[in-house]
C-alpha atoms as a PDB file:
ATOM      1  CA  MET A   1     107.818-151.381 112.893  1.00  0.00           C
ATOM      2  CA  LEU A   2     107.658-147.982 114.135  1.00  0.00           C
ATOM      3  CA  GLU A   3     107.061-146.612 110.632  1.00  0.00           C
ATOM      4  CA  ASP A   4     103.416-147.917 110.782  1.00  0.00           C
ATOM      5  CA  PRO A   5     101.597-145.885 113.183  1.00  0.00           C
ATOM      6  CA  TRP A   6      98.816-148.220 114.158  1.00  0.00           C
ATOM      7  CA  ILE A   7     101.464-150.317 116.078  1.00  0.00           C
ATOM      8  CA  GLU A   8     102.312-149.501 120.011  1.00  0.00           C
ATOM      9  CA  PRO A   9     106.022-149.235 120.212  1.00  0.00           C
ATOM     10  CA  PRO A  10     107.816-152.045 121.911  1.00  0.00           C
ATOM     11  CA  GLU A  11     109.633-151.519 125.127  1.00  0.00           C
ATOM     12  CA  ASP A  12     113.039-152.231 123.480  1.00  0.00           C
ATOM     13  CA  ALA A  13     112.236-148.884 121.152  1.00  0.00           C
ATOM     14  CA  TYR A  14     113.135-146.860 124.758  1.00  0.00           C
ATOM     15  CA  GLU A  15     116.201-146.445 126.374  1.00  0.00           C
ATOM     16  CA  TRP A  16     116.047-143.588 129.184  1.00  0.00           C
ATOM     17  CA  THR A  17     112.753-144.143 130.528  1.00  0.00           C
ATOM     18  CA  THR A  18     111.179-147.080 132.114  1.00  0.00           C
ATOM     19  CA  SER A  19     107.340-148.020 131.134  1.00  0.00           C
ATOM     20  CA  PRO A  20     104.710-146.214 133.535  1.00  0.00           C
ATOM     21  CA  GLU A  21     103.179-149.681 134.454  1.00  0.00           C
ATOM     22  CA  SER A  22     106.799-150.685 135.692  1.00  0.00           C
ATOM     23  CA  SER A  23     107.703-147.492 137.578  1.00  0.00           C
ATOM     24  CA  PRO A  24     107.611-146.824 141.039  1.00  0.00           C
ATOM     25  CA  ASP A  25     104.130-147.464 143.382  1.00  0.00           C
ATOM     26  CA  THR A  26     105.598-143.635 145.486  1.00  0.00           C
ATOM     27  CA  PRO A  27     105.763-140.925 143.487  1.00  0.00           C
ATOM     28  CA  LEU A  28     108.580-138.167 143.221  1.00  0.00           C
ATOM     29  CA  TYR A  29     108.394-134.847 143.939  1.00  0.00           C
ATOM     30  CA  ILE A  30     110.714-132.263 142.930  1.00  0.00           C
ATOM     31  CA  GLU A  31     111.153-128.693 142.975  1.00  0.00           C
ATOM     32  CA  VAL A  32     112.639-126.406 140.549  1.00  0.00           C
ATOM     33  CA  ASP A  33     113.800-122.744 140.847  1.00  0.00           C
ATOM     34  CA  PHE A  34     113.823-120.335 138.061  1.00  0.00           C
ATOM     35  CA  GLU A  35     115.479-117.144 137.782  1.00  0.00           C
ATOM     36  CA  GLY A  36     114.130-114.997 134.666  1.00  0.00           C
ATOM     37  CA  GLY A  37     112.941-117.856 133.307  1.00  0.00           C
ATOM     38  CA  VAL A  38     115.957-120.226 133.519  1.00  0.00           C
ATOM     39  CA  PRO A  39     115.777-123.474 135.532  1.00  0.00           C
ATOM     40  CA  VAL A  40     118.558-122.743 138.201  1.00  0.00           C
ATOM     41  CA  ALA A  41     118.116-125.173 141.159  1.00  0.00           C
ATOM     42  CA  LEU A  42     117.165-128.677 141.910  1.00  0.00           C
ATOM     43  CA  ASP A  43     115.432-128.992 145.446  1.00  0.00           C
ATOM     44  CA  GLY A  44     117.780-126.403 146.663  1.00  0.00           C
ATOM     45  CA  GLU A  45     120.674-127.711 145.061  1.00  0.00           C
ATOM     46  CA  SER A  46     122.180-124.916 142.420  1.00  0.00           C
ATOM     47  CA  LEU A  47     122.804-127.172 138.894  1.00  0.00           C
ATOM     48  CA  GLY A  48     123.811-125.779 135.628  1.00  0.00           C
ATOM     49  CA  PHE A  49     122.038-126.255 132.610  1.00  0.00           C
ATOM     50  CA  VAL A  50     122.965-129.680 131.579  1.00  0.00           C
ATOM     51  CA  ASP A  51     123.614-131.266 134.734  1.00  0.00           C
ATOM     52  CA  MET A  52     119.815-130.011 135.494  1.00  0.00           C
ATOM     53  CA  ILE A  53     118.620-131.663 131.951  1.00  0.00           C
ATOM     54  CA  VAL A  54     120.879-135.276 133.374  1.00  0.00           C
ATOM     55  CA  ARG A  55     119.582-135.258 136.815  1.00  0.00           C
ATOM     56  CA  LEU A  56     115.814-134.652 135.520  1.00  0.00           C
ATOM     57  CA  ASN A  57     116.090-137.484 132.976  1.00  0.00           C
ATOM     58  CA  GLU A  58     117.234-139.426 135.349  1.00  0.00           C
ATOM     59  CA  PHE A  59     114.139-138.617 137.804  1.00  0.00           C
ATOM     60  CA  GLY A  60     111.970-138.614 134.821  1.00  0.00           C
ATOM     61  CA  GLY A  61     113.072-141.622 133.124  1.00  0.00           C
ATOM     62  CA  LYS A  62     112.558-143.886 136.344  1.00  0.00           C
ATOM     63  CA  ASN A  63     109.027-142.534 137.007  1.00  0.00           C
ATOM     64  CA  GLY A  64     108.238-143.447 133.127  1.00  0.00           C
ATOM     65  CA  VAL A  65     107.961-139.431 132.530  1.00  0.00           C
ATOM     66  CA  GLY A  66     108.475-137.883 129.104  1.00  0.00           C
ATOM     67  CA  ARG A  67     107.467-140.809 126.380  1.00  0.00           C
ATOM     68  CA  ILE A  68     106.477-139.116 122.882  1.00  0.00           C
ATOM     69  CA  ASP A  69     104.234-141.069 120.381  1.00  0.00           C
ATOM     70  CA  VAL A  70     103.507-138.549 117.480  1.00  0.00           C
ATOM     71  CA  VAL A  71     103.174-138.329 113.791  1.00  0.00           C
ATOM     72  CA  GLU A  72     104.625-135.025 112.867  1.00  0.00           C
ATOM     73  CA  ASP A  73     105.386-133.009 109.426  1.00  0.00           C
ATOM     74  CA  ARG A  74     108.630-133.241 107.863  1.00  0.00           C
ATOM     75  CA  LEU A  75     110.020-129.961 106.793  1.00  0.00           C
ATOM     76  CA  VAL A  76     108.801-130.842 103.080  1.00  0.00           C
ATOM     77  CA  GLY A  77     105.204-131.657 104.257  1.00  0.00           C
ATOM     78  CA  ILE A  78     105.627-135.342 104.412  1.00  0.00           C
ATOM     79  CA  LYS A  79     104.014-137.119 107.681  1.00  0.00           C
ATOM     80  CA  SER A  80     106.354-139.003 109.868  1.00  0.00           C
ATOM     81  CA  ARG A  81     105.530-140.938 112.884  1.00  0.00           C
ATOM     82  CA  GLU A  82     108.174-140.513 115.508  1.00  0.00           C
ATOM     83  CA  ILE A  83     109.458-141.557 118.954  1.00  0.00           C
ATOM     84  CA  TYR A  84     110.735-139.400 121.504  1.00  0.00           C
ATOM     85  CA  GLU A  85     112.183-139.727 125.168  1.00  0.00           C
ATOM     86  CA  ALA A  86     112.283-136.319 126.781  1.00  0.00           C
ATOM     87  CA  PRO A  87     111.735-136.383 130.453  1.00  0.00           C
ATOM     88  CA  ALA A  88     113.813-133.450 131.276  1.00  0.00           C
ATOM     89  CA  ALA A  89     112.153-131.160 128.538  1.00  0.00           C
ATOM     90  CA  VAL A  90     108.491-132.293 129.878  1.00  0.00           C
ATOM     91  CA  ILE A  91     109.434-131.650 133.307  1.00  0.00           C
ATOM     92  CA  LEU A  92     110.567-127.991 132.844  1.00  0.00           C
ATOM     93  CA  ILE A  93     108.313-126.954 130.129  1.00  0.00           C
ATOM     94  CA  LYS A  94     105.415-127.575 132.538  1.00  0.00           C
ATOM     95  CA  ALA A  95     107.146-126.116 135.144  1.00  0.00           C
ATOM     96  CA  HIS A  96     107.807-123.393 133.498  1.00  0.00           C
ATOM     97  CA  GLN A  97     104.823-123.007 131.653  1.00  0.00           C
ATOM     98  CA  ASP A  98     102.848-123.039 135.095  1.00  0.00           C
ATOM     99  CA  LEU A  99     105.313-120.119 136.602  1.00  0.00           C
ATOM    100  CA  GLU A 100     104.370-118.320 133.558  1.00  0.00           C
ATOM    101  CA  ARG A 101     100.518-118.251 134.252  1.00  0.00           C
ATOM    102  CA  LEU A 102     101.659-117.425 137.782  1.00  0.00           C
ATOM    103  CA  THR A 103     103.658-114.018 137.131  1.00  0.00           C
ATOM    104  CA  LEU A 104     102.749-112.818 133.594  1.00  0.00           C
ATOM    105  CA  THR A 105      99.420-111.280 132.325  1.00  0.00           C
ATOM    106  CA  ARG A 106      96.287-112.546 130.499  1.00  0.00           C
ATOM    107  CA  GLU A 107      97.823-110.553 127.585  1.00  0.00           C
ATOM    108  CA  ALA A 108     101.453-111.710 127.765  1.00  0.00           C
ATOM    109  CA  LEU A 109     100.861-115.109 127.895  1.00  0.00           C
ATOM    110  CA  ALA A 110      98.220-115.053 124.806  1.00  0.00           C
ATOM    111  CA  GLY A 111     100.645-112.559 122.896  1.00  0.00           C
ATOM    112  CA  LYS A 112     103.615-115.592 123.430  1.00  0.00           C
ATOM    113  CA  ARG A 113     101.551-118.437 122.144  1.00  0.00           C
ATOM    114  CA  PRO A 114     101.874-118.227 118.612  1.00  0.00           C
ATOM    115  CA  ILE A 115     105.012-117.006 119.083  1.00  0.00           C
ATOM    116  CA  GLU A 116     106.361-120.157 120.848  1.00  0.00           C
ATOM    117  CA  GLN A 117     104.992-122.149 117.907  1.00  0.00           C
ATOM    118  CA  ARG A 118     106.532-120.225 115.223  1.00  0.00           C
ATOM    119  CA  VAL A 119     110.055-120.084 117.227  1.00  0.00           C
ATOM    120  CA  ALA A 120     109.683-124.205 117.909  1.00  0.00           C
ATOM    121  CA  GLU A 121     109.014-124.682 113.999  1.00  0.00           C
ATOM    122  CA  MET A 122     112.314-122.368 113.156  1.00  0.00           C
ATOM    123  CA  ALA A 123     114.371-124.265 115.290  1.00  0.00           C
ATOM    124  CA  TYR A 124     113.022-127.803 113.677  1.00  0.00           C
ATOM    125  CA  GLU A 125     113.834-126.401 110.653  1.00  0.00           C
ATOM    126  CA  GLY A 126     116.893-124.802 111.280  1.00  0.00           C
ATOM    127  CA  LEU A 127     116.277-121.315 111.328  1.00  0.00           C
ATOM    128  CA  TRP A 128     117.537-120.670 114.782  1.00  0.00           C
ATOM    129  CA  PHE A 129     119.718-117.603 113.767  1.00  0.00           C
ATOM    130  CA  SER A 130     117.093-116.017 111.585  1.00  0.00           C
ATOM    131  CA  PRO A 131     116.702-111.946 112.085  1.00  0.00           C
ATOM    132  CA  LEU A 132     112.907-112.921 112.676  1.00  0.00           C
ATOM    133  CA  ASN A 133     113.943-115.754 115.848  1.00  0.00           C
ATOM    134  CA  GLN A 134     116.614-113.358 117.164  1.00  0.00           C
ATOM    135  CA  ALA A 135     113.823-110.937 117.569  1.00  0.00           C
ATOM    136  CA  PHE A 136     111.345-113.162 118.846  1.00  0.00           C
ATOM    137  CA  VAL A 137     114.333-114.131 121.473  1.00  0.00           C
ATOM    138  CA  GLU A 138     114.779-110.535 122.395  1.00  0.00           C
ATOM    139  CA  PHE A 139     110.421-110.244 122.926  1.00  0.00           C
ATOM    140  CA  ASN A 140     110.933-113.456 125.266  1.00  0.00           C
ATOM    141  CA  ARG A 141     114.201-112.051 127.262  1.00  0.00           C
ATOM    142  CA  THR A 142     111.966-108.972 128.323  1.00  0.00           C
ATOM    143  CA  LEU A 143     108.776-111.360 129.158  1.00  0.00           C
ATOM    144  CA  GLN A 144     111.119-113.291 130.935  1.00  0.00           C
ATOM    145  CA  GLN A 145     112.379-111.078 133.794  1.00  0.00           C
ATOM    146  CA  ARG A 146     109.507-111.428 135.828  1.00  0.00           C
ATOM    147  CA  VAL A 147     109.699-115.318 135.705  1.00  0.00           C
ATOM    148  CA  ASP A 148     111.167-116.084 138.609  1.00  0.00           C
ATOM    149  CA  GLY A 149     109.839-118.591 141.167  1.00  0.00           C
ATOM    150  CA  THR A 150     109.886-122.189 142.446  1.00  0.00           C
ATOM    151  CA  VAL A 151     107.715-124.781 140.977  1.00  0.00           C
ATOM    152  CA  ARG A 152     106.860-128.497 142.720  1.00  0.00           C
ATOM    153  CA  LEU A 153     106.054-131.468 140.801  1.00  0.00           C
ATOM    154  CA  LYS A 154     105.103-135.006 141.377  1.00  0.00           C
ATOM    155  CA  LEU A 155     106.427-137.262 139.276  1.00  0.00           C
ATOM    156  CA  TYR A 156     104.298-140.640 139.165  1.00  0.00           C
ATOM    157  CA  LYS A 157     103.283-143.351 136.664  1.00  0.00           C
ATOM    158  CA  GLY A 158     104.514-141.494 133.298  1.00  0.00           C
ATOM    159  CA  ASN A 159     102.988-138.152 134.694  1.00  0.00           C
ATOM    160  CA  ALA A 160     105.076-134.945 135.804  1.00  0.00           C
ATOM    161  CA  THR A 161     102.270-132.830 137.542  1.00  0.00           C
ATOM    162  CA  VAL A 162     102.724-129.343 139.043  1.00  0.00           C
ATOM    163  CA  VAL A 163     101.215-129.503 142.689  1.00  0.00           C
ATOM    164  CA  GLY A 164     102.649-126.203 143.690  1.00  0.00           C
ATOM    165  CA  ARG A 165     103.799-122.962 142.826  1.00  0.00           C
ATOM    166  CA  ARG A 166     105.229-119.528 144.389  1.00  0.00           C
ATOM    167  CA  SER A 167     107.142-116.295 143.119  1.00  0.00           C
ATOM    168  CA  THR A 168     108.059-112.751 144.590  1.00  0.00           C
ATOM    169  CA  ASN A 169     106.714-111.825 141.157  1.00  0.00           C
ATOM    170  CA  SER A 170     103.278-113.693 141.691  1.00  0.00           C
ATOM    171  CA  LEU A 171     100.107-111.887 140.259  1.00  0.00           C
ATOM    172  CA  TYR A 172      97.991-113.965 142.337  1.00  0.00           C
ATOM    173  CA  ASP A 173      96.367-111.873 145.027  1.00  0.00           C
ATOM    174  CA  MET A 174      94.142-114.361 147.577  1.00  0.00           C
ATOM    175  CA  GLY A 175      92.311-111.528 148.888  1.00  0.00           C
ATOM    176  CA  LEU A 176      91.243-110.957 144.986  1.00  0.00           C
ATOM    177  CA  ALA A 177      90.712-115.053 144.245  1.00  0.00           C
ATOM    178  CA  THR A 178      89.037-116.036 147.020  1.00  0.00           C
ATOM    179  CA  TYR A 179      84.966-116.562 147.353  1.00  0.00           C
ATOM    180  CA  ASP A 180      85.053-116.696 151.554  1.00  0.00           C
ATOM    181  CA  LYS A 181      84.277-113.614 153.574  1.00  0.00           C
ATOM    182  CA  ALA A 182      88.294-112.382 153.329  1.00  0.00           C
ATOM    183  CA  ASP A 183      87.270-111.133 149.809  1.00  0.00           C
ATOM    184  CA  VAL A 184      88.306-107.855 149.216  1.00  0.00           C
ATOM    185  CA  PHE A 185      87.115-107.365 145.949  1.00  0.00           C
ATOM    186  CA  ASP A 186      84.498-104.499 145.062  1.00  0.00           C
ATOM    187  CA  HIS A 187      81.286-106.329 143.760  1.00  0.00           C
ATOM    188  CA  SER A 188      79.441-103.282 143.455  1.00  0.00           C
ATOM    189  CA  ALA A 189      81.708-102.504 140.661  1.00  0.00           C
ATOM    190  CA  ALA A 190      80.825-105.539 138.711  1.00  0.00           C
ATOM    191  CA  GLU A 191      76.966-104.127 137.917  1.00  0.00           C
ATOM    192  CA  GLY A 192      78.917-101.597 135.602  1.00  0.00           C
ATOM    193  CA  PHE A 193      81.056-103.462 134.306  1.00  0.00           C
ATOM    194  CA  ILE A 194      78.597-106.014 133.255  1.00  0.00           C
ATOM    195  CA  ARG A 195      76.506-103.477 131.405  1.00  0.00           C
ATOM    196  CA  LEU A 196      79.560-101.883 129.288  1.00  0.00           C
ATOM    197  CA  TRP A 197      80.827-105.537 128.573  1.00  0.00           C
ATOM    198  CA  GLY A 198      77.674-106.564 127.308  1.00  0.00           C
ATOM    199  CA  LEU A 199      76.473-103.120 125.755  1.00  0.00           C
ATOM    200  CA  PRO A 200      77.850-104.501 121.707  1.00  0.00           C
ATOM    201  CA  LEU A 201      75.777-107.675 122.318  1.00  0.00           C
ATOM    202  CA  ARG A 202      72.750-105.418 123.308  1.00  0.00           C
ATOM    203  CA  VAL A 203      72.874-103.261 120.620  1.00  0.00           C
ATOM    204  CA  TRP A 204      73.197-106.398 118.054  1.00  0.00           C
ATOM    205  CA  ALA A 205      70.206-107.809 119.515  1.00  0.00           C
ATOM    206  CA  GLN A 206      68.248-104.805 119.305  1.00  0.00           C
ATOM    207  CA  SER A 207      69.045-104.308 115.740  1.00  0.00           C
ATOM    208  CA  GLY A 208      68.262-108.106 114.578  1.00  0.00           C
ATOM    209  CA  LYS A 209      64.394-107.184 116.503  1.00  0.00           C
ATOM    210  CA  ASP A 210      64.318-103.445 114.270  1.00  0.00           C
ATOM    211  CA  ALA A 211      64.982-105.214 111.261  1.00  0.00           C
ATOM    212  CA  ARG A 212      62.579-108.425 112.075  1.00  0.00           C
ATOM    213  CA  LYS A 213      60.163-105.461 112.766  1.00  0.00           C
ATOM    214  CA  GLY A 214      60.677-103.064 110.047  1.00  0.00           C
ATOM    215  CA  LYS A 215      60.230-106.601 107.690  1.00  0.00           C
ATOM    216  CA  GLN A 216      56.862-107.381 109.084  1.00  0.00           C
ATOM    217  CA  GLN A 217      55.562-103.596 108.683  1.00  0.00           C
END
């Protein structure tokens, strides 16, 4: 039955997760603490990684979080429909990515994105210990030194939603981000920046005008 990608998986295909429709009507809030990008505590209780996974699988599973229905590519390129249950992974990935957005620069986040995809592919292909992946591991370890903090999530009806985050390494500055009178951003600097930023486009537009004008002559 599951080999037909059009057929909805029957409920007995799942063992770890409650269906979102049958999950509790009251959301569960949890907090995950990270140090160096690694989850180290849940709701203030220090936990080893395996215990963290077990606990989050329980919390997420009860609230319908972590069901994955996907058509993927096997190593040889054959399409395969797969059903997964990964409550802890879904929760931790969402929390970690959100904390990274709070603590890493835009350039670092953009640089990580294609590397994350390649690392996932190498793990799937059995190439974790390849020289390329080991280099990526070192690259990631360097960035993760700043990824400390706490992420609060709401588990409800199949969703794990980040609703709060904080970090001593946060790059979020209320004075720069706010739109009210507490704004400390010097708006007079914006005009010059806009002129410089748009200069290549103005040159492009002027070049087109000159070319059209030359043809008309």
